[in-house]
Amino acid sequence: MAPLAQPVSNLIDAFSRLPGIGPKSASRLAYFLLRSDEEIALSLASALQELKAETLFCGLCHNIADKDPCAICDNEQRDRSIICVVEEPLDVQAIERTGSFQGLYHVLHGAISPVEGIGPDDLKLHELLNRLQPGRQPDDVETRELLVATNPNLEGEATAMYIARLIKPLGLRVTRLARGLPTGGDLEYADEMTLSNALAGRLEM
């Protein structure tokens, strides 16, 4: 078999490093770009450069943003007395699509998973505790409720229970999304109606 041209091999290797992309999918993507108009490949390259150069993490909620604070944290119309804790930025987008939540967010960037070597110190939990201290919220609004919206799987449940124990001494109300969500699922794949019902029926922890 003739060896691949090095640029093609490099692109296949780069695609293979992405989650959910196996060698065959990586090869198909590489050959698609090779055969497509130059404009498509250059547009992709430009978007990737812009992604790294012009995005950042909000200093308050740690969501992906193009400014600090992000548009949600900077919105004075949001209910600043409630913070929704999620695992990933994609979960923020999933909840926002429902239009049922008007509070603020805190993104952990993961969940506790001993199998994968992820512990509490690897998440944005220290930053969450700092936010909950008096005077740390925008406009000095006191946080009344912490809505834990981690995924309904083993890792998400372990993270939720850890947060509940961590926050209990502060005397805050800690709630959990209702069980309208399927066990073992991910928030980003839930439909708007299911998420809306889960938000409305959240439970005390």
N, C-alpha and C. Protein backbone atom coordinates (compact mmCIF):
# COMPACT_ATOMS: atom_id res chain seq x y z
N MET A 1 0.84 -1.20 0.00
CA MET A 1 0.00 0.00 0.00
C MET A 1 0.88 1.25 0.00
N ALA A 2 0.56 2.15 -0.91
CA ALA A 2 1.35 3.38 -1.00
C ALA A 2 1.13 4.24 0.24
N PRO A 3 2.18 4.86 0.76
CA PRO A 3 2.03 5.71 1.95
C PRO A 3 1.20 6.96 1.63
N LEU A 4 0.47 7.43 2.63
CA LEU A 4 -0.32 8.65 2.46
C LEU A 4 0.58 9.87 2.38
N ALA A 5 0.13 10.86 1.63
CA ALA A 5 0.84 12.14 1.65
C ALA A 5 0.84 12.66 3.09
N GLN A 6 1.96 13.20 3.50
CA GLN A 6 2.11 13.60 4.90
C GLN A 6 1.05 14.58 5.38
N PRO A 7 0.67 15.61 4.59
CA PRO A 7 -0.38 16.52 5.06
C PRO A 7 -1.71 15.81 5.32
N VAL A 8 -2.05 14.83 4.47
CA VAL A 8 -3.29 14.07 4.66
C VAL A 8 -3.19 13.22 5.93
N SER A 9 -2.06 12.56 6.11
CA SER A 9 -1.85 11.74 7.30
C SER A 9 -1.92 12.58 8.57
N ASN A 10 -1.36 13.79 8.51
CA ASN A 10 -1.37 14.68 9.69
C ASN A 10 -2.80 15.10 10.04
N LEU A 11 -3.61 15.37 8.99
CA LEU A 11 -4.99 15.80 9.24
C LEU A 11 -5.82 14.66 9.81
N ILE A 12 -5.64 13.46 9.26
CA ILE A 12 -6.36 12.29 9.79
C ILE A 12 -5.99 12.07 11.26
N ASP A 13 -4.72 12.21 11.58
CA ASP A 13 -4.26 12.05 12.96
C ASP A 13 -4.89 13.11 13.86
N ALA A 14 -4.99 14.34 13.37
CA ALA A 14 -5.58 15.44 14.16
C ALA A 14 -7.06 15.18 14.41
N PHE A 15 -7.80 14.74 13.37
CA PHE A 15 -9.22 14.43 13.55
C PHE A 15 -9.42 13.26 14.51
N SER A 16 -8.51 12.29 14.48
CA SER A 16 -8.64 11.10 15.33
C SER A 16 -8.53 11.43 16.81
N ARG A 17 -7.94 12.56 17.13
CA ARG A 17 -7.81 12.95 18.53
C ARG A 17 -9.09 13.55 19.10
N LEU A 18 -10.05 13.85 18.23
CA LEU A 18 -11.31 14.43 18.69
C LEU A 18 -12.20 13.35 19.27
N PRO A 19 -13.01 13.69 20.32
CA PRO A 19 -13.89 12.68 20.92
C PRO A 19 -14.95 12.21 19.94
N GLY A 20 -15.15 10.89 19.91
CA GLY A 20 -16.18 10.32 19.05
C GLY A 20 -15.77 10.15 17.60
N ILE A 21 -14.52 10.49 17.27
CA ILE A 21 -14.04 10.35 15.89
C ILE A 21 -13.03 9.21 15.82
N GLY A 22 -13.42 8.12 15.16
CA GLY A 22 -12.51 6.99 14.97
C GLY A 22 -11.68 7.17 13.72
N PRO A 23 -10.78 6.22 13.45
CA PRO A 23 -9.91 6.31 12.26
C PRO A 23 -10.67 6.44 10.95
N LYS A 24 -11.77 5.68 10.80
CA LYS A 24 -12.53 5.74 9.54
C LYS A 24 -13.21 7.10 9.37
N SER A 25 -13.82 7.59 10.43
CA SER A 25 -14.46 8.90 10.35
C SER A 25 -13.43 9.99 10.09
N ALA A 26 -12.28 9.87 10.73
CA ALA A 26 -11.22 10.85 10.53
C ALA A 26 -10.76 10.86 9.07
N SER A 27 -10.64 9.67 8.48
CA SER A 27 -10.23 9.58 7.08
C SER A 27 -11.28 10.19 6.16
N ARG A 28 -12.57 9.92 6.44
CA ARG A 28 -13.63 10.48 5.60
C ARG A 28 -13.63 12.01 5.66
N LEU A 29 -13.45 12.55 6.86
CA LEU A 29 -13.41 14.01 7.01
C LEU A 29 -12.23 14.61 6.26
N ALA A 30 -11.08 13.97 6.37
CA ALA A 30 -9.88 14.48 5.70
C ALA A 30 -10.04 14.46 4.18
N TYR A 31 -10.58 13.36 3.65
CA TYR A 31 -10.75 13.27 2.20
C TYR A 31 -11.86 14.19 1.71
N PHE A 32 -12.86 14.42 2.53
CA PHE A 32 -13.91 15.38 2.16
C PHE A 32 -13.29 16.77 1.98
N LEU A 33 -12.47 17.18 2.94
CA LEU A 33 -11.84 18.50 2.85
C LEU A 33 -10.86 18.57 1.67
N LEU A 34 -10.21 17.46 1.40
CA LEU A 34 -9.26 17.42 0.29
C LEU A 34 -9.97 17.62 -1.05
N ARG A 35 -11.16 17.04 -1.18
CA ARG A 35 -11.90 17.12 -2.44
C ARG A 35 -12.77 18.37 -2.55
N SER A 36 -13.08 19.00 -1.42
CA SER A 36 -14.01 20.13 -1.43
C SER A 36 -13.34 21.40 -1.92
N ASP A 37 -14.15 22.43 -2.12
CA ASP A 37 -13.61 23.73 -2.51
C ASP A 37 -12.64 24.24 -1.46
N GLU A 38 -11.65 24.97 -1.90
CA GLU A 38 -10.65 25.50 -0.99
C GLU A 38 -11.28 26.39 0.08
N GLU A 39 -12.37 27.07 -0.30
CA GLU A 39 -13.03 27.98 0.63
C GLU A 39 -13.52 27.27 1.89
N ILE A 40 -14.01 26.02 1.75
CA ILE A 40 -14.52 25.27 2.89
C ILE A 40 -13.39 24.96 3.87
N ALA A 41 -12.25 24.50 3.35
CA ALA A 41 -11.12 24.16 4.21
C ALA A 41 -10.57 25.40 4.90
N LEU A 42 -10.46 26.50 4.15
CA LEU A 42 -9.93 27.74 4.72
C LEU A 42 -10.89 28.31 5.76
N SER A 43 -12.19 28.16 5.52
CA SER A 43 -13.19 28.63 6.48
C SER A 43 -13.08 27.85 7.79
N LEU A 44 -12.89 26.54 7.69
CA LEU A 44 -12.71 25.70 8.87
C LEU A 44 -11.45 26.10 9.64
N ALA A 45 -10.37 26.30 8.91
CA ALA A 45 -9.11 26.69 9.55
C ALA A 45 -9.25 28.04 10.26
N SER A 46 -9.95 28.96 9.61
CA SER A 46 -10.16 30.29 10.20
C SER A 46 -11.02 30.20 11.46
N ALA A 47 -12.07 29.35 11.42
CA ALA A 47 -12.95 29.20 12.58
C ALA A 47 -12.20 28.61 13.76
N LEU A 48 -11.29 27.66 13.48
CA LEU A 48 -10.50 27.06 14.56
C LEU A 48 -9.55 28.07 15.19
N GLN A 49 -8.94 28.90 14.36
CA GLN A 49 -8.04 29.93 14.89
C GLN A 49 -8.81 30.94 15.72
N GLU A 50 -10.00 31.32 15.23
CA GLU A 50 -10.83 32.28 15.95
C GLU A 50 -11.29 31.70 17.28
N LEU A 51 -11.60 30.39 17.28
CA LEU A 51 -12.04 29.72 18.50
C LEU A 51 -11.01 29.87 19.62
N LYS A 52 -9.74 29.66 19.28
CA LYS A 52 -8.69 29.71 20.29
C LYS A 52 -8.28 31.14 20.62
N ALA A 53 -8.38 32.04 19.66
CA ALA A 53 -7.89 33.40 19.86
C ALA A 53 -8.92 34.31 20.52
N GLU A 54 -10.21 34.05 20.29
CA GLU A 54 -11.22 35.03 20.70
C GLU A 54 -12.24 34.50 21.70
N THR A 55 -12.02 33.30 22.25
CA THR A 55 -12.91 32.81 23.30
C THR A 55 -12.13 32.68 24.60
N LEU A 56 -12.86 32.77 25.71
CA LEU A 56 -12.25 32.67 27.03
C LEU A 56 -13.28 32.08 27.98
N PHE A 57 -12.90 31.91 29.23
CA PHE A 57 -13.83 31.43 30.24
C PHE A 57 -14.21 32.59 31.14
N CYS A 58 -15.50 32.74 31.35
CA CYS A 58 -16.00 33.82 32.22
C CYS A 58 -15.36 33.69 33.59
N GLY A 59 -14.87 34.78 34.13
CA GLY A 59 -14.21 34.76 35.42
C GLY A 59 -15.15 34.49 36.58
N LEU A 60 -16.45 34.60 36.34
CA LEU A 60 -17.43 34.37 37.41
C LEU A 60 -18.03 32.97 37.33
N CYS A 61 -18.61 32.63 36.18
CA CYS A 61 -19.31 31.34 36.07
C CYS A 61 -18.50 30.25 35.37
N HIS A 62 -17.41 30.64 34.69
CA HIS A 62 -16.52 29.70 33.98
C HIS A 62 -17.16 29.07 32.75
N ASN A 63 -18.20 29.72 32.23
CA ASN A 63 -18.76 29.29 30.96
C ASN A 63 -17.90 29.86 29.82
N ILE A 64 -17.99 29.26 28.65
CA ILE A 64 -17.29 29.76 27.48
C ILE A 64 -17.91 31.09 27.06
N ALA A 65 -17.08 32.07 26.76
CA ALA A 65 -17.59 33.40 26.41
C ALA A 65 -16.62 34.10 25.48
N ASP A 66 -17.08 35.26 24.96
CA ASP A 66 -16.18 36.09 24.16
C ASP A 66 -15.86 37.39 24.88
N LYS A 67 -16.35 37.50 26.13
CA LYS A 67 -16.01 38.65 26.98
C LYS A 67 -16.14 38.22 28.43
N ASP A 68 -15.54 39.00 29.32
CA ASP A 68 -15.56 38.69 30.74
C ASP A 68 -16.03 39.92 31.52
N PRO A 69 -17.18 39.84 32.24
CA PRO A 69 -18.02 38.67 32.43
C PRO A 69 -18.82 38.33 31.18
N CYS A 70 -19.35 37.11 31.15
CA CYS A 70 -20.10 36.66 29.98
C CYS A 70 -21.44 37.38 29.91
N ALA A 71 -22.15 37.19 28.80
CA ALA A 71 -23.42 37.88 28.58
C ALA A 71 -24.46 37.52 29.62
N ILE A 72 -24.45 36.27 30.11
CA ILE A 72 -25.44 35.86 31.11
C ILE A 72 -25.14 36.52 32.46
N CYS A 73 -23.89 36.46 32.91
CA CYS A 73 -23.52 37.07 34.19
C CYS A 73 -23.68 38.59 34.15
N ASP A 74 -23.55 39.17 32.97
CA ASP A 74 -23.60 40.63 32.82
C ASP A 74 -25.03 41.14 32.64
N ASN A 75 -25.98 40.21 32.51
CA ASN A 75 -27.37 40.58 32.26
C ASN A 75 -28.07 40.92 33.58
N GLU A 76 -28.40 42.17 33.79
CA GLU A 76 -29.02 42.61 35.04
C GLU A 76 -30.44 42.10 35.21
N GLN A 77 -31.03 41.56 34.15
CA GLN A 77 -32.40 41.04 34.23
C GLN A 77 -32.44 39.62 34.79
N ARG A 78 -31.29 38.97 34.90
CA ARG A 78 -31.26 37.61 35.44
C ARG A 78 -31.46 37.63 36.95
N ASP A 79 -32.03 36.54 37.48
CA ASP A 79 -32.23 36.40 38.92
C ASP A 79 -30.90 35.98 39.55
N ARG A 80 -30.25 36.91 40.20
CA ARG A 80 -28.91 36.66 40.75
C ARG A 80 -28.94 35.92 42.08
N SER A 81 -30.12 35.60 42.58
CA SER A 81 -30.21 34.91 43.87
C SER A 81 -30.17 33.39 43.72
N ILE A 82 -30.18 32.89 42.49
CA ILE A 82 -30.13 31.44 42.26
C ILE A 82 -29.03 31.12 41.26
N ILE A 83 -28.24 30.10 41.60
CA ILE A 83 -27.14 29.66 40.73
C ILE A 83 -27.38 28.20 40.36
N CYS A 84 -27.34 27.92 39.09
CA CYS A 84 -27.49 26.56 38.56
C CYS A 84 -26.11 25.99 38.28
N VAL A 85 -25.77 24.89 38.93
CA VAL A 85 -24.46 24.26 38.77
C VAL A 85 -24.56 23.15 37.73
N VAL A 86 -23.75 23.24 36.68
CA VAL A 86 -23.75 22.24 35.61
C VAL A 86 -22.33 21.70 35.41
N GLU A 87 -22.25 20.59 34.70
CA GLU A 87 -20.94 19.97 34.47
C GLU A 87 -20.16 20.67 33.36
N GLU A 88 -20.82 20.95 32.23
CA GLU A 88 -20.12 21.44 31.05
C GLU A 88 -20.84 22.64 30.42
N PRO A 89 -20.11 23.44 29.63
CA PRO A 89 -20.75 24.57 28.93
C PRO A 89 -21.94 24.16 28.06
N LEU A 90 -21.89 22.97 27.47
CA LEU A 90 -23.01 22.52 26.64
C LEU A 90 -24.29 22.38 27.45
N ASP A 91 -24.17 22.11 28.76
CA ASP A 91 -25.34 21.99 29.62
C ASP A 91 -26.02 23.35 29.81
N VAL A 92 -25.22 24.41 29.84
CA VAL A 92 -25.78 25.77 29.93
C VAL A 92 -26.66 26.02 28.71
N GLN A 93 -26.15 25.66 27.52
CA GLN A 93 -26.91 25.88 26.29
C GLN A 93 -28.21 25.07 26.30
N ALA A 94 -28.14 23.83 26.82
CA ALA A 94 -29.33 22.99 26.86
C ALA A 94 -30.41 23.61 27.74
N ILE A 95 -30.03 24.11 28.91
CA ILE A 95 -31.00 24.72 29.83
C ILE A 95 -31.51 26.04 29.28
N GLU A 96 -30.63 26.83 28.67
CA GLU A 96 -31.05 28.11 28.11
C GLU A 96 -32.09 27.93 27.01
N ARG A 97 -32.00 26.84 26.25
CA ARG A 97 -32.96 26.59 25.17
C ARG A 97 -34.38 26.41 25.70
N THR A 98 -34.51 25.98 26.95
CA THR A 98 -35.85 25.78 27.50
C THR A 98 -36.55 27.10 27.80
N GLY A 99 -35.78 28.15 28.06
CA GLY A 99 -36.37 29.43 28.44
C GLY A 99 -37.01 29.40 29.82
N SER A 100 -36.77 28.33 30.61
CA SER A 100 -37.43 28.16 31.90
C SER A 100 -36.58 28.61 33.09
N PHE A 101 -35.33 28.92 32.84
CA PHE A 101 -34.44 29.30 33.94
C PHE A 101 -33.89 30.69 33.68
N GLN A 102 -34.01 31.57 34.65
CA GLN A 102 -33.56 32.95 34.48
C GLN A 102 -32.50 33.35 35.50
N GLY A 103 -31.89 32.36 36.16
CA GLY A 103 -30.85 32.66 37.13
C GLY A 103 -29.47 32.69 36.49
N LEU A 104 -28.45 32.52 37.31
CA LEU A 104 -27.07 32.46 36.85
C LEU A 104 -26.58 31.02 36.83
N TYR A 105 -25.37 30.81 36.33
CA TYR A 105 -24.81 29.47 36.21
C TYR A 105 -23.43 29.39 36.87
N HIS A 106 -23.02 28.14 37.11
CA HIS A 106 -21.63 27.87 37.48
C HIS A 106 -21.24 26.56 36.81
N VAL A 107 -20.21 26.60 35.98
CA VAL A 107 -19.78 25.43 35.21
C VAL A 107 -18.60 24.76 35.91
N LEU A 108 -18.77 23.49 36.25
CA LEU A 108 -17.73 22.74 36.97
C LEU A 108 -16.59 22.27 36.07
N HIS A 109 -16.88 22.08 34.79
CA HIS A 109 -15.94 21.50 33.83
C HIS A 109 -15.58 20.07 34.20
N GLY A 110 -16.62 19.29 34.44
CA GLY A 110 -16.42 17.87 34.71
C GLY A 110 -17.29 17.40 35.85
N ALA A 111 -17.09 16.14 36.24
CA ALA A 111 -17.81 15.53 37.36
C ALA A 111 -16.85 14.60 38.08
N ILE A 112 -17.12 14.37 39.36
CA ILE A 112 -16.26 13.48 40.15
C ILE A 112 -16.32 12.07 39.57
N SER A 113 -15.16 11.52 39.25
CA SER A 113 -15.10 10.18 38.66
C SER A 113 -13.78 9.51 39.08
N PRO A 114 -13.80 8.74 40.18
CA PRO A 114 -12.58 8.06 40.62
C PRO A 114 -11.96 7.16 39.55
N VAL A 115 -12.82 6.54 38.73
CA VAL A 115 -12.33 5.65 37.67
C VAL A 115 -11.43 6.41 36.70
N GLU A 116 -11.80 7.65 36.39
CA GLU A 116 -11.02 8.46 35.47
C GLU A 116 -10.00 9.35 36.19
N GLY A 117 -9.91 9.19 37.49
CA GLY A 117 -8.95 9.97 38.26
C GLY A 117 -9.34 11.43 38.44
N ILE A 118 -10.64 11.73 38.37
CA ILE A 118 -11.13 13.10 38.54
C ILE A 118 -11.73 13.24 39.93
N GLY A 119 -11.12 14.08 40.74
CA GLY A 119 -11.60 14.32 42.09
C GLY A 119 -12.15 15.72 42.23
N PRO A 120 -12.63 16.08 43.41
CA PRO A 120 -13.21 17.41 43.65
C PRO A 120 -12.25 18.55 43.31
N ASP A 121 -10.95 18.33 43.56
CA ASP A 121 -9.98 19.39 43.31
C ASP A 121 -9.78 19.68 41.83
N ASP A 122 -10.26 18.77 40.98
CA ASP A 122 -10.12 18.97 39.53
C ASP A 122 -11.28 19.77 38.95
N LEU A 123 -12.29 20.04 39.76
CA LEU A 123 -13.47 20.79 39.32
C LEU A 123 -13.43 22.21 39.86
N LYS A 124 -14.34 23.03 39.36
CA LYS A 124 -14.41 24.44 39.78
C LYS A 124 -15.24 24.58 41.06
N LEU A 125 -14.94 23.74 42.06
CA LEU A 125 -15.69 23.77 43.31
C LEU A 125 -15.18 24.85 44.26
N HIS A 126 -13.88 25.05 44.28
CA HIS A 126 -13.32 26.12 45.12
C HIS A 126 -13.85 27.47 44.65
N GLU A 127 -13.94 27.64 43.33
CA GLU A 127 -14.47 28.88 42.77
C GLU A 127 -15.95 29.05 43.12
N LEU A 128 -16.68 27.92 43.17
CA LEU A 128 -18.09 27.98 43.55
C LEU A 128 -18.24 28.46 44.99
N LEU A 129 -17.44 27.90 45.88
CA LEU A 129 -17.50 28.31 47.28
C LEU A 129 -17.19 29.80 47.43
N ASN A 130 -16.21 30.27 46.66
CA ASN A 130 -15.86 31.69 46.72
C ASN A 130 -17.03 32.56 46.28
N ARG A 131 -17.76 32.11 45.25
CA ARG A 131 -18.91 32.88 44.76
C ARG A 131 -20.00 33.02 45.81
N LEU A 132 -20.11 32.01 46.65
CA LEU A 132 -21.21 31.98 47.61
C LEU A 132 -20.93 32.81 48.86
N GLN A 133 -19.71 33.32 48.97
CA GLN A 133 -19.40 34.17 50.11
C GLN A 133 -20.09 35.52 49.96
N PRO A 134 -20.49 36.14 51.06
CA PRO A 134 -21.16 37.45 51.00
C PRO A 134 -20.33 38.47 50.24
N GLY A 135 -21.01 39.22 49.36
CA GLY A 135 -20.34 40.27 48.62
C GLY A 135 -19.64 39.82 47.36
N ARG A 136 -19.69 38.51 47.04
CA ARG A 136 -18.98 38.00 45.85
C ARG A 136 -19.86 37.98 44.61
N GLN A 137 -21.18 38.02 44.76
CA GLN A 137 -22.08 38.01 43.61
C GLN A 137 -22.19 39.42 43.01
N PRO A 138 -22.48 39.51 41.71
CA PRO A 138 -22.69 40.83 41.09
C PRO A 138 -23.78 41.61 41.83
N ASP A 139 -23.56 42.88 42.00
CA ASP A 139 -24.51 43.77 42.68
C ASP A 139 -24.74 43.38 44.13
N ASP A 140 -23.84 42.52 44.68
CA ASP A 140 -23.93 42.11 46.09
C ASP A 140 -25.25 41.43 46.44
N VAL A 141 -25.89 40.78 45.46
CA VAL A 141 -27.13 40.06 45.72
C VAL A 141 -26.79 38.74 46.41
N GLU A 142 -27.48 38.45 47.49
CA GLU A 142 -27.21 37.23 48.25
C GLU A 142 -27.79 36.01 47.53
N THR A 143 -26.99 34.93 47.44
CA THR A 143 -27.47 33.69 46.84
C THR A 143 -28.42 32.99 47.81
N ARG A 144 -29.62 32.65 47.34
CA ARG A 144 -30.61 31.97 48.17
C ARG A 144 -30.73 30.49 47.84
N GLU A 145 -30.47 30.15 46.57
CA GLU A 145 -30.67 28.76 46.15
C GLU A 145 -29.56 28.32 45.22
N LEU A 146 -29.10 27.09 45.42
CA LEU A 146 -28.13 26.46 44.53
C LEU A 146 -28.83 25.28 43.88
N LEU A 147 -29.07 25.37 42.57
CA LEU A 147 -29.72 24.30 41.82
C LEU A 147 -28.64 23.43 41.19
N VAL A 148 -28.54 22.20 41.66
CA VAL A 148 -27.50 21.28 41.15
C VAL A 148 -28.07 20.53 39.95
N ALA A 149 -27.52 20.80 38.77
CA ALA A 149 -28.03 20.21 37.52
C ALA A 149 -26.96 19.35 36.86
N THR A 150 -26.27 18.56 37.68
CA THR A 150 -25.33 17.61 37.11
C THR A 150 -26.11 16.48 36.45
N ASN A 151 -25.45 15.72 35.59
CA ASN A 151 -26.12 14.67 34.83
C ASN A 151 -26.65 13.55 35.74
N PRO A 152 -27.78 12.93 35.39
CA PRO A 152 -28.36 11.87 36.21
C PRO A 152 -27.69 10.52 35.97
N ASN A 153 -26.39 10.47 36.17
CA ASN A 153 -25.64 9.21 36.09
C ASN A 153 -24.80 9.08 37.35
N LEU A 154 -23.99 8.03 37.47
CA LEU A 154 -23.24 7.79 38.70
C LEU A 154 -22.32 8.96 39.04
N GLU A 155 -21.60 9.46 38.03
CA GLU A 155 -20.68 10.57 38.27
C GLU A 155 -21.42 11.84 38.67
N GLY A 156 -22.53 12.10 37.96
CA GLY A 156 -23.32 13.29 38.26
C GLY A 156 -23.94 13.24 39.65
N GLU A 157 -24.43 12.06 40.04
CA GLU A 157 -25.03 11.91 41.36
C GLU A 157 -23.98 12.06 42.46
N ALA A 158 -22.81 11.48 42.24
CA ALA A 158 -21.73 11.60 43.23
C ALA A 158 -21.32 13.06 43.40
N THR A 159 -21.26 13.78 42.28
CA THR A 159 -20.90 15.20 42.33
C THR A 159 -21.96 16.01 43.04
N ALA A 160 -23.24 15.70 42.76
CA ALA A 160 -24.35 16.42 43.40
C ALA A 160 -24.33 16.22 44.91
N MET A 161 -24.12 14.99 45.35
CA MET A 161 -24.09 14.71 46.79
C MET A 161 -22.91 15.39 47.46
N TYR A 162 -21.78 15.43 46.77
CA TYR A 162 -20.60 16.09 47.32
C TYR A 162 -20.87 17.59 47.49
N ILE A 163 -21.49 18.19 46.47
CA ILE A 163 -21.79 19.63 46.54
C ILE A 163 -22.78 19.91 47.67
N ALA A 164 -23.79 19.04 47.81
CA ALA A 164 -24.78 19.24 48.87
C ALA A 164 -24.13 19.24 50.24
N ARG A 165 -23.21 18.30 50.47
CA ARG A 165 -22.49 18.25 51.75
C ARG A 165 -21.59 19.45 51.93
N LEU A 166 -20.99 19.89 50.84
CA LEU A 166 -20.06 21.03 50.88
C LEU A 166 -20.79 22.33 51.22
N ILE A 167 -22.00 22.48 50.68
CA ILE A 167 -22.75 23.74 50.81
C ILE A 167 -23.60 23.78 52.07
N LYS A 168 -23.92 22.62 52.64
CA LYS A 168 -24.84 22.55 53.78
C LYS A 168 -24.46 23.51 54.92
N PRO A 169 -23.18 23.61 55.29
CA PRO A 169 -22.82 24.52 56.40
C PRO A 169 -23.13 25.99 56.11
N LEU A 170 -23.31 26.35 54.83
CA LEU A 170 -23.59 27.74 54.50
C LEU A 170 -25.06 28.11 54.70
N GLY A 171 -25.89 27.09 54.90
CA GLY A 171 -27.30 27.36 55.15
C GLY A 171 -28.10 27.71 53.91
N LEU A 172 -27.57 27.45 52.72
CA LEU A 172 -28.29 27.73 51.48
C LEU A 172 -29.27 26.62 51.14
N ARG A 173 -30.30 26.97 50.40
CA ARG A 173 -31.22 25.96 49.87
C ARG A 173 -30.53 25.29 48.69
N VAL A 174 -30.40 23.97 48.74
CA VAL A 174 -29.79 23.21 47.65
C VAL A 174 -30.84 22.31 47.03
N THR A 175 -31.08 22.48 45.73
CA THR A 175 -32.09 21.68 45.03
C THR A 175 -31.44 20.88 43.91
N ARG A 176 -32.19 19.89 43.42
CA ARG A 176 -31.73 19.00 42.35
C ARG A 176 -32.81 18.95 41.29
N LEU A 177 -32.42 18.82 40.03
CA LEU A 177 -33.41 18.67 38.97
C LEU A 177 -34.32 17.48 39.24
N ALA A 178 -35.60 17.62 38.91
CA ALA A 178 -36.55 16.53 39.11
C ALA A 178 -36.20 15.35 38.21
N ARG A 179 -36.83 14.21 38.49
CA ARG A 179 -36.49 12.98 37.79
C ARG A 179 -37.18 12.83 36.45
N GLY A 180 -37.51 13.94 35.82
CA GLY A 180 -38.02 13.85 34.46
C GLY A 180 -36.90 13.45 33.49
N LEU A 181 -35.66 13.55 33.98
CA LEU A 181 -34.52 13.20 33.14
C LEU A 181 -34.20 11.72 33.27
N PRO A 182 -33.87 11.05 32.16
CA PRO A 182 -33.57 9.62 32.22
C PRO A 182 -32.26 9.36 32.94
N THR A 183 -32.24 8.37 33.82
CA THR A 183 -31.01 8.01 34.52
C THR A 183 -29.97 7.54 33.52
N GLY A 184 -28.76 8.04 33.69
CA GLY A 184 -27.68 7.66 32.78
C GLY A 184 -27.55 8.56 31.58
N GLY A 185 -28.45 9.55 31.44
CA GLY A 185 -28.42 10.43 30.27
C GLY A 185 -27.58 11.67 30.49
N ASP A 186 -27.45 12.49 29.45
CA ASP A 186 -26.73 13.75 29.52
C ASP A 186 -27.69 14.89 29.24
N LEU A 187 -27.51 16.00 29.95
CA LEU A 187 -28.40 17.15 29.78
C LEU A 187 -28.45 17.65 28.35
N GLU A 188 -27.28 17.66 27.69
CA GLU A 188 -27.21 18.27 26.37
C GLU A 188 -28.08 17.54 25.35
N TYR A 189 -28.48 16.29 25.64
CA TYR A 189 -29.30 15.52 24.71
C TYR A 189 -30.78 15.53 25.09
N ALA A 190 -31.10 16.16 26.23
CA ALA A 190 -32.50 16.19 26.66
C ALA A 190 -33.28 17.24 25.85
N ASP A 191 -34.56 16.94 25.58
CA ASP A 191 -35.38 17.90 24.84
C ASP A 191 -35.83 19.02 25.78
N GLU A 192 -36.29 20.12 25.19
CA GLU A 192 -36.64 21.31 25.96
C GLU A 192 -37.77 21.04 26.96
N MET A 193 -38.79 20.26 26.57
CA MET A 193 -39.92 20.01 27.46
C MET A 193 -39.48 19.21 28.68
N THR A 194 -38.66 18.18 28.47
CA THR A 194 -38.18 17.37 29.59
C THR A 194 -37.37 18.22 30.57
N LEU A 195 -36.50 19.06 30.02
CA LEU A 195 -35.69 19.92 30.88
C LEU A 195 -36.54 20.95 31.59
N SER A 196 -37.53 21.50 30.92
CA SER A 196 -38.42 22.48 31.54
C SER A 196 -39.15 21.86 32.73
N ASN A 197 -39.64 20.62 32.56
CA ASN A 197 -40.34 19.94 33.64
C ASN A 197 -39.40 19.63 34.80
N ALA A 198 -38.17 19.28 34.47
CA ALA A 198 -37.18 18.98 35.52
C ALA A 198 -36.83 20.24 36.30
N LEU A 199 -36.75 21.36 35.62
CA LEU A 199 -36.46 22.63 36.29
C LEU A 199 -37.62 23.02 37.21
N ALA A 200 -38.84 22.86 36.71
CA ALA A 200 -40.02 23.26 37.48
C ALA A 200 -40.21 22.37 38.71
N GLY A 201 -39.84 21.11 38.59
CA GLY A 201 -40.07 20.17 39.69
C GLY A 201 -38.82 19.84 40.48
N ARG A 202 -37.86 20.75 40.51
CA ARG A 202 -36.60 20.48 41.22
C ARG A 202 -36.87 20.16 42.70
N LEU A 203 -36.01 19.36 43.27
CA LEU A 203 -36.22 18.83 44.61
C LEU A 203 -35.16 19.33 45.57
N GLU A 204 -35.55 19.41 46.85
CA GLU A 204 -34.58 19.75 47.89
C GLU A 204 -33.58 18.61 48.04
N MET A 205 -32.35 18.95 48.33
CA MET A 205 -31.33 17.92 48.56
C MET A 205 -30.97 17.88 50.05
